[in-house]
Amino acid sequence: MPQIFHRSANTIAKVSIFGAVFFVAGLLVVFAEINRSPWVTEAHVAREQPIQFSHERHVAGNGIDCRYCHTSVESSSFAGIPPTKTCMNCHSQIFSNSPFLEPIRESFRSGRSIQWTRVHDLPDFVYFNHSIHLHKGIGCTTCHGPVDRMPLMWQDKSLQMEWCLDCHRNPERYVRPREALFSVDYVAPSNQLELGDRLVNEYQIQRLTSCSTCHR
C-alpha cells in the first residue's frame, strides 16, 4: 500500500503539538503578568480626589500621626475617614482663607460630607479587619507603603490574594514591634527573621490560610 503522508508529516505533527503547548503556556504567563500589573490592580496610580490631600505634607511635613485622622483604626475593622471637623481643627486657623480649601469650609458649613474616593477598596466578598492586623504587629506602611512620600495617595500594593497569602504564610517577614506600628520611617532590621519568629510567638500569630479567614 502506498504511503499516504510524507515522512515529514511526523515531524510537523510533533512540532505543531509542542508549539501549541508552548503557545498556550506563553499565553497563561502573559495573562498572569497582566493580572498582576498596575493596569489591572491600579497599584501606584494616584487617585483624583475632591481635594488633592497630600499625605506627604501632613505626615512628613507636619508630623501628624495616622491615628489623628484615622481614629478607629485600632479598634475597628475600618480605619475611618476623617470628618470635615477634623480638617477644620487646623484649617480654621491655618490657610483659613485659601481658595483651595473652600470645599472643606463649604462641607463644614453645610454638614454635607466630602465624597472621597476610596484608594484601598477591597471587593465586597473580602473581609479585612484593621484592628486585628495592628494588634498582631502589622504596621501601616507594610500595606499602605511610604505614605509620607505620597503627595497624592495611591495604592502601593496589588491587594491581590497572593499578596495577602504571602504575609499569612510568612508573618515573620513582616511583623514589627507594636511600638513601631505607626512609624512611617520604620526599616526592618537585618535580623528581621529572628525578630519576626520571636514576635510571632509573643503576639500568638496564627498562619491562617483557610478560605473562611477572609471570605465569610
Protein backbone atom coordinates (compact mmCIF):
# COMPACT_ATOMS: atom_id res chain seq x y z
CA MET A 1 0.00 0.00 0.00
CA PRO A 2 1.48 3.36 -0.99
CA GLN A 3 2.36 5.80 1.82
CA ILE A 4 -0.35 8.45 2.15
CA PHE A 5 1.58 11.05 4.17
CA HIS A 6 5.12 12.17 3.56
CA ARG A 7 7.59 11.18 6.29
CA SER A 8 8.00 14.84 7.23
CA ALA A 9 4.38 14.83 8.44
CA ASN A 10 5.51 13.10 11.65
CA THR A 11 7.97 15.87 12.39
CA ILE A 12 5.44 18.56 11.52
CA ALA A 13 2.87 16.96 13.83
CA LYS A 14 5.32 16.78 16.75
CA VAL A 15 6.44 20.36 16.22
CA SER A 16 2.82 21.52 16.00
CA ILE A 17 1.86 19.75 19.24
CA PHE A 18 4.86 21.08 21.15
CA GLY A 19 4.36 24.52 19.62
CA ALA A 20 0.72 24.57 20.72
CA VAL A 21 1.70 23.58 24.26
CA PHE A 22 4.33 26.34 24.49
CA PHE A 23 1.94 28.85 22.92
CA VAL A 24 -0.77 28.10 25.48
CA ALA A 25 1.78 28.22 28.30
CA GLY A 26 3.05 31.55 27.00
CA LEU A 27 -0.49 32.95 26.92
CA LEU A 28 -1.01 31.87 30.54
CA VAL A 29 2.24 33.59 31.59
CA VAL A 30 1.25 36.78 29.76
CA PHE A 31 -2.22 36.67 31.33
CA ALA A 32 -0.72 36.20 34.81
CA GLU A 33 1.65 39.15 34.34
CA ILE A 34 -1.14 41.38 33.05
CA ASN A 35 -3.31 40.35 36.01
CA ARG A 36 -0.53 41.49 38.38
CA SER A 37 0.19 44.71 36.53
CA PRO A 38 -0.90 48.20 37.66
CA TRP A 39 -3.22 48.23 34.64
CA VAL A 40 -5.39 45.69 36.49
CA THR A 41 -4.54 46.27 40.16
CA GLU A 42 -4.27 50.08 39.83
CA ALA A 43 -1.25 49.96 42.15
CA HIS A 44 0.91 53.11 42.05
CA VAL A 45 -1.84 55.03 40.28
CA ALA A 46 -2.61 58.31 42.06
CA ARG A 47 -6.35 58.81 42.59
CA GLU A 48 -8.18 62.02 41.86
CA GLN A 49 -9.93 63.39 44.94
CA PRO A 50 -12.38 66.26 45.55
CA ILE A 51 -9.43 67.94 47.29
CA GLN A 52 -5.92 66.80 46.47
CA PHE A 53 -4.96 65.99 50.04
CA SER A 54 -1.21 65.43 50.49
CA HIS A 55 -0.12 62.79 52.97
CA GLU A 56 3.45 63.89 52.25
CA ARG A 57 2.71 67.38 53.57
CA HIS A 58 0.65 66.32 56.57
CA VAL A 59 2.65 63.26 57.65
CA ALA A 60 6.24 64.10 56.72
CA GLY A 61 5.94 67.88 56.72
CA ASN A 62 3.74 68.37 59.77
CA GLY A 63 4.38 65.13 61.64
CA ILE A 64 0.71 64.21 62.05
CA ASP A 65 0.17 60.69 63.38
CA CYS A 66 -2.03 58.31 61.36
CA ARG A 67 -4.44 57.98 64.28
CA TYR A 68 -5.26 61.68 64.37
CA CYS A 69 -7.32 61.29 61.19
CA HIS A 70 -7.96 57.55 61.13
CA THR A 71 -9.38 57.41 64.63
CA SER A 72 -10.95 53.94 64.59
CA VAL A 73 -8.00 52.02 63.13
CA GLU A 74 -7.02 50.44 66.47
CA SER A 75 -10.49 49.33 67.49
CA SER A 76 -12.45 48.68 64.32
CA SER A 77 -12.28 46.81 61.04
CA PHE A 78 -12.48 50.15 59.25
CA ALA A 79 -9.68 52.70 59.66
CA GLY A 80 -12.13 55.57 59.37
CA ILE A 81 -12.34 58.52 57.01
CA PRO A 82 -11.86 61.77 58.93
CA PRO A 83 -14.91 64.06 59.16
CA THR A 84 -14.61 67.62 57.95
CA LYS A 85 -14.37 68.93 61.51
CA THR A 86 -11.04 67.09 61.85
CA CYS A 87 -9.69 69.12 58.94
CA MET A 88 -11.10 72.30 60.44
CA ASN A 89 -9.34 71.71 63.75
CA CYS A 90 -6.27 73.04 61.98
CA HIS A 91 -7.62 74.84 58.95
CA SER A 92 -9.87 77.18 60.88
CA GLN A 93 -6.54 78.80 61.82
CA ILE A 94 -4.08 77.70 59.11
CA PHE A 95 -4.78 78.67 55.48
CA SER A 96 -8.26 79.57 56.67
CA ASN A 97 -8.94 81.75 53.61
CA SER A 98 -7.27 79.60 50.98
CA PRO A 99 -9.48 79.16 47.87
CA PHE A 100 -8.03 75.66 47.57
CA LEU A 101 -9.75 74.69 50.83
CA GLU A 102 -13.15 76.19 50.05
CA PRO A 103 -14.72 72.70 49.60
CA ILE A 104 -13.65 71.93 53.18
CA ARG A 105 -15.25 75.10 54.52
CA GLU A 106 -18.40 74.52 52.48
CA SER A 107 -18.68 70.96 53.81
CA PHE A 108 -18.28 72.26 57.36
CA ARG A 109 -20.92 74.96 56.87
CA SER A 110 -23.46 72.71 55.17
CA GLY A 111 -22.83 69.50 57.11
CA ARG A 112 -22.53 67.55 53.84
CA SER A 113 -19.65 65.07 53.85
CA ILE A 114 -16.93 65.28 51.23
CA GLN A 115 -17.16 62.33 48.87
CA TRP A 116 -13.61 61.00 49.00
CA THR A 117 -12.52 58.31 46.55
CA ARG A 118 -11.53 55.05 48.25
CA VAL A 119 -7.93 54.21 47.39
CA HIS A 120 -7.70 50.82 49.09
CA ASP A 121 -11.05 49.37 48.12
CA LEU A 122 -11.30 45.62 48.65
CA PRO A 123 -14.05 43.58 46.96
CA ASP A 124 -17.25 43.09 48.94
CA PHE A 125 -16.50 39.36 49.33
CA VAL A 126 -13.27 40.08 51.25
CA TYR A 127 -13.29 40.61 55.00
CA PHE A 128 -10.44 42.68 56.40
CA ASN A 129 -10.02 44.00 59.94
CA HIS A 130 -7.53 46.80 60.61
CA SER A 131 -7.53 46.39 64.37
CA ILE A 132 -6.60 42.68 64.26
CA HIS A 133 -3.65 43.30 61.93
CA LEU A 134 -2.36 46.13 64.11
CA HIS A 135 -2.75 44.04 67.25
CA LYS A 136 -0.68 41.30 65.59
CA GLY A 137 2.15 43.69 64.72
CA ILE A 138 1.49 44.65 61.10
CA GLY A 139 2.36 48.33 60.64
CA CYS A 140 0.59 50.88 58.46
CA THR A 141 3.33 51.17 55.86
CA THR A 142 3.54 47.39 55.44
CA CYS A 143 0.31 47.55 53.46
CA HIS A 144 -0.06 51.21 52.57
CA GLY A 145 3.54 51.92 51.60
CA PRO A 146 5.51 55.12 52.26
CA VAL A 147 2.54 57.46 52.72
CA ASP A 148 4.91 60.16 53.95
CA ARG A 149 6.26 60.35 50.39
CA MET A 150 2.91 60.46 48.61
CA PRO A 151 1.87 63.96 47.53
CA LEU A 152 -1.22 62.23 46.15
CA MET A 153 -2.41 58.95 47.61
CA TRP A 154 -2.01 55.75 45.65
CA GLN A 155 -2.35 52.04 46.33
CA ASP A 156 1.15 50.76 47.00
CA LYS A 157 0.47 47.00 46.88
CA SER A 158 -1.54 44.85 44.50
CA LEU A 159 -4.10 43.83 47.19
CA GLN A 160 -4.45 40.55 45.32
CA MET A 161 -4.97 37.30 47.22
CA GLU A 162 -1.45 36.03 46.58
CA TRP A 163 -0.05 39.17 48.24
CA CYS A 164 -2.22 38.62 51.34
CA LEU A 165 -1.33 34.93 51.49
CA ASP A 166 2.38 35.66 51.37
CA CYS A 167 2.07 37.54 54.66
CA HIS A 168 -0.30 34.99 56.20
CA ARG A 169 2.10 32.18 55.35
CA ASN A 170 5.26 34.04 56.34
CA PRO A 171 4.31 36.58 59.05
CA GLU A 172 7.85 36.60 60.44
CA ARG A 173 8.96 38.57 57.37
CA TYR A 174 6.58 41.44 58.04
CA VAL A 175 5.70 41.65 61.75
CA ARG A 176 7.21 44.52 63.73
CA PRO A 177 7.20 45.63 67.38
CA ARG A 178 3.89 47.21 68.39
CA GLU A 179 5.59 50.42 69.44
CA ALA A 180 6.67 50.91 65.80
CA LEU A 181 3.29 50.24 64.16
CA PHE A 182 2.66 53.88 63.24
CA SER A 183 6.25 54.78 62.38
CA VAL A 184 6.40 55.76 58.72
CA ASP A 185 10.19 55.56 58.63
CA TYR A 186 10.44 52.09 60.17
CA VAL A 187 13.01 49.87 58.43
CA ALA A 188 13.11 46.15 59.04
CA PRO A 189 16.34 45.22 60.87
CA SER A 190 18.97 42.89 59.45
CA ASN A 191 17.78 40.18 61.86
CA GLN A 192 14.14 40.52 60.79
CA LEU A 193 13.54 36.76 60.60
CA GLU A 194 14.92 36.22 64.09
CA LEU A 195 12.90 39.15 65.44
CA GLY A 196 9.87 38.02 63.47
CA ASP A 197 9.97 34.49 64.84
CA ARG A 198 10.07 35.89 68.38
CA LEU A 199 7.19 38.30 67.74
CA VAL A 200 5.09 35.60 66.05
CA ASN A 201 5.28 33.60 69.28
CA GLU A 202 4.86 36.62 71.54
CA TYR A 203 1.84 38.00 69.66
CA GLN A 204 0.38 34.50 69.14
CA ILE A 205 0.16 34.94 65.39
CA GLN A 206 -1.52 32.06 63.57
CA ARG A 207 -0.71 31.27 59.94
CA LEU A 208 -4.33 31.47 58.80
CA THR A 209 -4.73 30.49 55.16
CA SER A 210 -8.17 28.85 55.05
CA CYS A 211 -10.74 30.41 52.72
CA SER A 212 -13.07 31.35 55.58
CA THR A 213 -10.41 33.56 57.17
CA CYS A 214 -11.09 36.32 54.64
CA HIS A 215 -14.14 35.09 52.70
CA ARG A 216 -17.12 34.96 55.06
